[in-house]
N, C-alpha and C. Protein backbone atom coordinates (compact mmCIF):
# COMPACT_ATOMS: atom_id res chain seq x y z
N MET A 1 -74.99 -88.77 27.20
CA MET A 1 -73.96 -87.76 27.16
C MET A 1 -72.61 -88.32 27.54
N ALA A 2 -72.58 -89.22 28.47
CA ALA A 2 -71.33 -89.83 28.88
C ALA A 2 -70.74 -90.63 27.72
N GLY A 3 -71.64 -91.23 26.94
CA GLY A 3 -71.19 -91.98 25.77
C GLY A 3 -70.53 -91.08 24.75
N ARG A 4 -71.07 -89.89 24.54
CA ARG A 4 -70.49 -88.94 23.59
C ARG A 4 -69.12 -88.48 24.08
N VAL A 5 -69.01 -88.18 25.34
CA VAL A 5 -67.73 -87.72 25.90
C VAL A 5 -66.70 -88.82 25.74
N TYR A 6 -67.12 -90.03 26.07
CA TYR A 6 -66.19 -91.15 25.95
C TYR A 6 -65.78 -91.33 24.50
N SER A 7 -66.73 -91.18 23.59
CA SER A 7 -66.47 -91.32 22.17
C SER A 7 -65.51 -90.25 21.69
N ARG A 8 -65.72 -89.00 22.13
CA ARG A 8 -64.82 -87.89 21.73
C ARG A 8 -63.42 -88.12 22.29
N VAL A 9 -63.34 -88.52 23.53
CA VAL A 9 -62.04 -88.78 24.16
C VAL A 9 -61.36 -89.93 23.42
N SER A 10 -62.11 -90.94 23.13
CA SER A 10 -61.57 -92.09 22.42
C SER A 10 -61.07 -91.69 21.03
N ASN A 11 -61.86 -90.86 20.32
CA ASN A 11 -61.46 -90.39 19.00
C ASN A 11 -60.21 -89.52 19.07
N ARG A 12 -60.17 -88.64 20.07
CA ARG A 12 -58.98 -87.78 20.22
C ARG A 12 -57.76 -88.62 20.55
N SER A 13 -57.94 -89.60 21.39
CA SER A 13 -56.84 -90.48 21.75
C SER A 13 -56.38 -91.24 20.51
N SER A 14 -57.30 -91.71 19.74
CA SER A 14 -56.98 -92.43 18.51
C SER A 14 -56.30 -91.49 17.51
N ASP A 15 -56.79 -90.27 17.40
CA ASP A 15 -56.18 -89.28 16.52
C ASP A 15 -54.75 -88.98 16.98
N HIS A 16 -54.58 -88.86 18.30
CA HIS A 16 -53.26 -88.59 18.85
C HIS A 16 -52.30 -89.74 18.54
N LYS A 17 -52.77 -90.97 18.70
CA LYS A 17 -51.94 -92.14 18.38
C LYS A 17 -51.59 -92.16 16.90
N THR A 18 -52.57 -91.85 16.07
CA THR A 18 -52.34 -91.82 14.62
C THR A 18 -51.32 -90.76 14.27
N GLN A 19 -51.43 -89.57 14.90
CA GLN A 19 -50.47 -88.49 14.66
C GLN A 19 -49.06 -88.93 15.08
N ASN A 20 -48.95 -89.59 16.22
CA ASN A 20 -47.65 -90.06 16.68
C ASN A 20 -47.06 -91.09 15.71
N ILE A 21 -47.91 -92.00 15.25
CA ILE A 21 -47.45 -93.01 14.30
C ILE A 21 -46.98 -92.32 13.00
N MET A 22 -47.78 -91.37 12.52
CA MET A 22 -47.43 -90.64 11.30
C MET A 22 -46.12 -89.87 11.50
N TYR A 23 -45.96 -89.22 12.63
CA TYR A 23 -44.74 -88.48 12.92
C TYR A 23 -43.54 -89.42 12.93
N ASP A 24 -43.69 -90.57 13.59
CA ASP A 24 -42.60 -91.55 13.64
C ASP A 24 -42.24 -92.06 12.24
N MET A 25 -43.27 -92.31 11.44
CA MET A 25 -43.02 -92.78 10.08
C MET A 25 -42.31 -91.72 9.24
N ILE A 26 -42.73 -90.48 9.37
CA ILE A 26 -42.10 -89.39 8.61
C ILE A 26 -40.66 -89.19 9.07
N SER A 27 -40.44 -89.26 10.38
CA SER A 27 -39.07 -89.15 10.90
C SER A 27 -38.19 -90.27 10.35
N ASP A 28 -38.71 -91.47 10.37
CA ASP A 28 -37.96 -92.62 9.85
C ASP A 28 -37.67 -92.45 8.36
N LEU A 29 -38.65 -92.00 7.59
CA LEU A 29 -38.44 -91.77 6.16
C LEU A 29 -37.39 -90.68 5.92
N ASN A 30 -37.42 -89.63 6.73
CA ASN A 30 -36.42 -88.56 6.59
C ASN A 30 -35.01 -89.09 6.87
N GLU A 31 -34.87 -89.90 7.92
CA GLU A 31 -33.57 -90.48 8.25
C GLU A 31 -33.08 -91.38 7.11
N ARG A 32 -33.97 -92.21 6.61
CA ARG A 32 -33.61 -93.09 5.52
C ARG A 32 -33.25 -92.30 4.27
N SER A 33 -33.99 -91.24 4.04
CA SER A 33 -33.71 -90.39 2.88
C SER A 33 -32.32 -89.75 3.00
N GLU A 34 -31.98 -89.28 4.20
CA GLU A 34 -30.65 -88.69 4.42
C GLU A 34 -29.55 -89.73 4.24
N ASP A 35 -29.77 -90.93 4.78
CA ASP A 35 -28.79 -92.01 4.61
C ASP A 35 -28.63 -92.36 3.13
N LEU A 36 -29.75 -92.45 2.44
CA LEU A 36 -29.71 -92.77 1.02
C LEU A 36 -28.97 -91.68 0.24
N GLU A 37 -29.23 -90.43 0.57
CA GLU A 37 -28.55 -89.31 -0.09
C GLU A 37 -27.04 -89.38 0.13
N LYS A 38 -26.61 -89.71 1.34
CA LYS A 38 -25.17 -89.86 1.63
C LYS A 38 -24.56 -90.98 0.79
N ARG A 39 -25.29 -92.08 0.72
CA ARG A 39 -24.78 -93.22 -0.07
C ARG A 39 -24.69 -92.86 -1.54
N ILE A 40 -25.67 -92.12 -2.03
CA ILE A 40 -25.66 -91.70 -3.44
C ILE A 40 -24.47 -90.78 -3.70
N VAL A 41 -24.21 -89.85 -2.81
CA VAL A 41 -23.07 -88.94 -2.97
C VAL A 41 -21.77 -89.74 -2.97
N THR A 42 -21.66 -90.71 -2.08
CA THR A 42 -20.46 -91.56 -2.03
C THR A 42 -20.30 -92.33 -3.34
N LEU A 43 -21.38 -92.89 -3.85
CA LEU A 43 -21.32 -93.63 -5.11
C LEU A 43 -20.96 -92.71 -6.28
N GLU A 44 -21.52 -91.50 -6.28
CA GLU A 44 -21.17 -90.54 -7.34
C GLU A 44 -19.69 -90.21 -7.31
N THR A 45 -19.15 -90.01 -6.12
CA THR A 45 -17.72 -89.69 -5.99
C THR A 45 -16.87 -90.86 -6.49
N LYS A 46 -17.22 -92.07 -6.09
CA LYS A 46 -16.49 -93.25 -6.55
C LYS A 46 -16.60 -93.40 -8.06
N LEU A 47 -17.77 -93.15 -8.60
CA LEU A 47 -17.99 -93.26 -10.05
C LEU A 47 -17.14 -92.23 -10.80
N GLU A 48 -17.09 -91.00 -10.30
CA GLU A 48 -16.27 -89.97 -10.94
C GLU A 48 -14.80 -90.35 -10.91
N THR A 49 -14.35 -90.91 -9.79
CA THR A 49 -12.96 -91.37 -9.69
C THR A 49 -12.70 -92.49 -10.69
N LEU A 50 -13.62 -93.43 -10.77
CA LEU A 50 -13.49 -94.55 -11.69
C LEU A 50 -13.46 -94.07 -13.14
N ILE A 51 -14.32 -93.15 -13.48
CA ILE A 51 -14.36 -92.60 -14.84
C ILE A 51 -13.04 -91.92 -15.17
N GLY A 52 -12.52 -91.13 -14.23
CA GLY A 52 -11.23 -90.47 -14.45
C GLY A 52 -10.11 -91.47 -14.66
N THR A 53 -10.12 -92.54 -13.89
CA THR A 53 -9.10 -93.58 -14.03
C THR A 53 -9.22 -94.28 -15.38
N ILE A 54 -10.43 -94.59 -15.78
CA ILE A 54 -10.65 -95.26 -17.07
C ILE A 54 -10.23 -94.35 -18.22
N GLN A 55 -10.53 -93.05 -18.11
CA GLN A 55 -10.14 -92.13 -19.16
C GLN A 55 -8.62 -91.98 -19.25
N ALA A 56 -7.93 -92.13 -18.14
CA ALA A 56 -6.47 -92.02 -18.14
C ALA A 56 -5.80 -93.31 -18.63
N LEU A 57 -6.53 -94.40 -18.65
CA LEU A 57 -5.97 -95.70 -18.97
C LEU A 57 -5.30 -95.77 -20.36
N PRO A 58 -5.91 -95.28 -21.43
CA PRO A 58 -5.23 -95.37 -22.74
C PRO A 58 -3.86 -94.68 -22.74
N GLY A 59 -3.77 -93.53 -22.11
CA GLY A 59 -2.48 -92.83 -22.04
C GLY A 59 -1.46 -93.62 -21.25
N LEU A 60 -1.88 -94.21 -20.13
CA LEU A 60 -0.96 -95.01 -19.32
C LEU A 60 -0.50 -96.25 -20.07
N ILE A 61 -1.43 -96.89 -20.79
CA ILE A 61 -1.07 -98.07 -21.58
C ILE A 61 -0.06 -97.68 -22.66
N SER A 62 -0.30 -96.57 -23.32
CA SER A 62 0.62 -96.09 -24.35
C SER A 62 2.00 -95.82 -23.77
N GLN A 63 2.06 -95.18 -22.61
CA GLN A 63 3.35 -94.91 -21.97
C GLN A 63 4.07 -96.20 -21.65
N MET A 64 3.36 -97.19 -21.13
CA MET A 64 3.99 -98.45 -20.77
C MET A 64 4.49 -99.19 -22.02
N ILE A 65 3.72 -99.16 -23.08
CA ILE A 65 4.16 -99.81 -24.32
C ILE A 65 5.42 -99.13 -24.85
N ASN A 66 5.43 -97.79 -24.85
CA ASN A 66 6.61 -97.06 -25.30
C ASN A 66 7.82 -97.38 -24.45
N LEU A 67 7.63 -97.44 -23.14
CA LEU A 67 8.73 -97.76 -22.24
C LEU A 67 9.27 -99.16 -22.50
N GLN A 68 8.37 -100.12 -22.67
CA GLN A 68 8.81 -101.49 -22.94
C GLN A 68 9.51 -101.60 -24.29
N GLN A 69 9.01 -100.89 -25.29
CA GLN A 69 9.67 -100.90 -26.60
C GLN A 69 11.07 -100.31 -26.49
N ARG A 70 11.19 -99.20 -25.78
CA ARG A 70 12.48 -98.54 -25.61
C ARG A 70 13.46 -99.47 -24.87
N GLU A 71 12.98 -100.10 -23.80
CA GLU A 71 13.84 -101.02 -23.05
C GLU A 71 14.23 -102.22 -23.91
N PHE A 72 13.30 -102.72 -24.71
CA PHE A 72 13.60 -103.84 -25.59
C PHE A 72 14.66 -103.45 -26.62
N LEU A 73 14.47 -102.29 -27.24
CA LEU A 73 15.45 -101.83 -28.24
C LEU A 73 16.82 -101.60 -27.62
N GLU A 74 16.84 -101.03 -26.42
CA GLU A 74 18.12 -100.82 -25.74
C GLU A 74 18.80 -102.14 -25.45
N ALA A 75 18.04 -103.13 -25.02
CA ALA A 75 18.60 -104.45 -24.75
C ALA A 75 19.12 -105.08 -26.04
N GLN A 76 18.39 -104.92 -27.13
CA GLN A 76 18.84 -105.45 -28.42
C GLN A 76 20.13 -104.77 -28.87
N MET A 77 20.19 -103.46 -28.68
CA MET A 77 21.40 -102.71 -29.06
C MET A 77 22.59 -103.14 -28.21
N GLN A 78 22.39 -103.33 -26.92
CA GLN A 78 23.48 -103.78 -26.06
C GLN A 78 23.94 -105.17 -26.47
N HIS A 79 23.00 -106.03 -26.77
CA HIS A 79 23.35 -107.39 -27.20
C HIS A 79 24.11 -107.32 -28.53
N HIS A 80 23.65 -106.47 -29.44
CA HIS A 80 24.30 -106.31 -30.74
C HIS A 80 25.70 -105.73 -30.55
N ASP A 81 25.84 -104.72 -29.69
CA ASP A 81 27.14 -104.10 -29.43
C ASP A 81 28.11 -105.11 -28.82
N GLN A 82 27.61 -106.02 -28.01
CA GLN A 82 28.47 -107.04 -27.41
C GLN A 82 28.89 -108.07 -28.45
N GLN A 83 28.06 -108.32 -29.43
CA GLN A 83 28.37 -109.31 -30.46
C GLN A 83 29.40 -108.77 -31.45
N ILE A 84 29.38 -107.48 -31.74
CA ILE A 84 30.30 -106.88 -32.72
C ILE A 84 31.75 -107.03 -32.28
N PRO A 85 32.15 -106.67 -31.05
CA PRO A 85 33.56 -106.84 -30.67
C PRO A 85 34.01 -108.29 -30.77
N CYS A 86 33.17 -109.25 -30.41
CA CYS A 86 33.54 -110.65 -30.52
C CYS A 86 33.73 -111.03 -31.98
N SER A 87 32.84 -110.60 -32.85
CA SER A 87 32.94 -110.90 -34.27
C SER A 87 34.17 -110.25 -34.87
N ALA A 88 34.42 -109.02 -34.48
CA ALA A 88 35.59 -108.30 -35.00
C ALA A 88 36.87 -108.97 -34.54
N GLU A 89 36.91 -109.42 -33.30
CA GLU A 89 38.09 -110.11 -32.78
C GLU A 89 38.30 -111.42 -33.52
N ARG A 90 37.23 -112.16 -33.79
CA ARG A 90 37.34 -113.41 -34.51
C ARG A 90 37.84 -113.17 -35.93
N SER A 91 37.30 -112.14 -36.57
CA SER A 91 37.71 -111.90 -37.95
C SER A 91 39.17 -111.43 -37.99
N ARG A 92 39.60 -110.64 -36.99
CA ARG A 92 41.01 -110.22 -36.95
C ARG A 92 41.93 -111.42 -36.74
N SER A 93 41.56 -112.31 -35.85
CA SER A 93 42.42 -113.47 -35.58
C SER A 93 42.45 -114.41 -36.78
N SER A 94 41.34 -114.57 -37.49
CA SER A 94 41.36 -115.44 -38.67
C SER A 94 42.16 -114.79 -39.78
N THR A 95 42.12 -113.45 -39.90
CA THR A 95 42.93 -112.75 -40.89
C THR A 95 44.40 -112.93 -40.57
N ARG A 96 44.75 -112.84 -39.30
CA ARG A 96 46.15 -113.04 -38.90
C ARG A 96 46.60 -114.45 -39.24
N ARG A 97 45.73 -115.42 -39.01
CA ARG A 97 46.09 -116.79 -39.32
C ARG A 97 46.33 -116.96 -40.81
N ARG A 98 45.48 -116.36 -41.62
CA ARG A 98 45.65 -116.46 -43.07
C ARG A 98 46.95 -115.80 -43.51
N ARG A 99 47.22 -114.60 -42.95
CA ARG A 99 48.45 -113.89 -43.30
C ARG A 99 49.67 -114.68 -42.85
N SER A 100 49.63 -115.19 -41.64
CA SER A 100 50.79 -115.91 -41.12
C SER A 100 51.05 -117.18 -41.92
N SER A 101 50.00 -117.83 -42.38
CA SER A 101 50.23 -119.04 -43.17
C SER A 101 50.78 -118.70 -44.55
N SER A 102 50.43 -117.56 -45.12
CA SER A 102 50.94 -117.20 -46.44
C SER A 102 52.35 -116.62 -46.37
N THR A 103 52.74 -116.04 -45.26
CA THR A 103 54.08 -115.46 -45.13
C THR A 103 55.05 -116.44 -44.53
N ALA A 104 54.59 -117.55 -44.08
CA ALA A 104 55.49 -118.55 -43.49
C ALA A 104 56.24 -119.24 -44.62
N PRO A 105 57.47 -119.63 -44.32
CA PRO A 105 58.22 -120.35 -45.36
C PRO A 105 57.52 -121.67 -45.68
N PRO A 106 57.61 -122.09 -46.89
CA PRO A 106 56.95 -123.33 -47.27
C PRO A 106 57.52 -124.52 -46.51
N THR A 107 56.63 -125.41 -46.19
CA THR A 107 57.05 -126.63 -45.50
C THR A 107 57.46 -127.65 -46.53
N SER A 108 58.00 -128.74 -46.12
CA SER A 108 58.46 -129.75 -47.06
C SER A 108 57.31 -130.32 -47.87
N SER A 109 56.12 -130.41 -47.27
CA SER A 109 54.98 -130.95 -48.04
C SER A 109 54.48 -129.93 -49.05
N GLU A 110 54.60 -128.60 -48.76
CA GLU A 110 54.12 -127.57 -49.70
C GLU A 110 55.08 -127.42 -50.86
N SER A 111 56.39 -127.63 -50.66
CA SER A 111 57.36 -127.38 -51.71
C SER A 111 57.41 -128.51 -52.71
N SER A 112 56.96 -129.68 -52.37
CA SER A 112 57.04 -130.77 -53.33
C SER A 112 55.98 -130.74 -54.32
């Protein structure tokens, strides 16, 4: 009879240890599951942000290309506008030179 009592006590003690181990394992799994869920939510948020940024990229690229084209054309127009007054001044001065040479009295070498 003492053997049976010892056996029952031993079995209950073993069952109790097993229950504690199982409880600890379940608690640990729950904690890990919660941590994993938080990480998944964080990754989903980052992914949504990344997708939004990627979807906006074609529009941003288009805006930048348009801006650069506009700036390039404005620079070309300014360069062209700066060249016109110089060209006009040169053509006016060469016209004056031609007129002045034709209205000047003939020199001794021209009259002979």
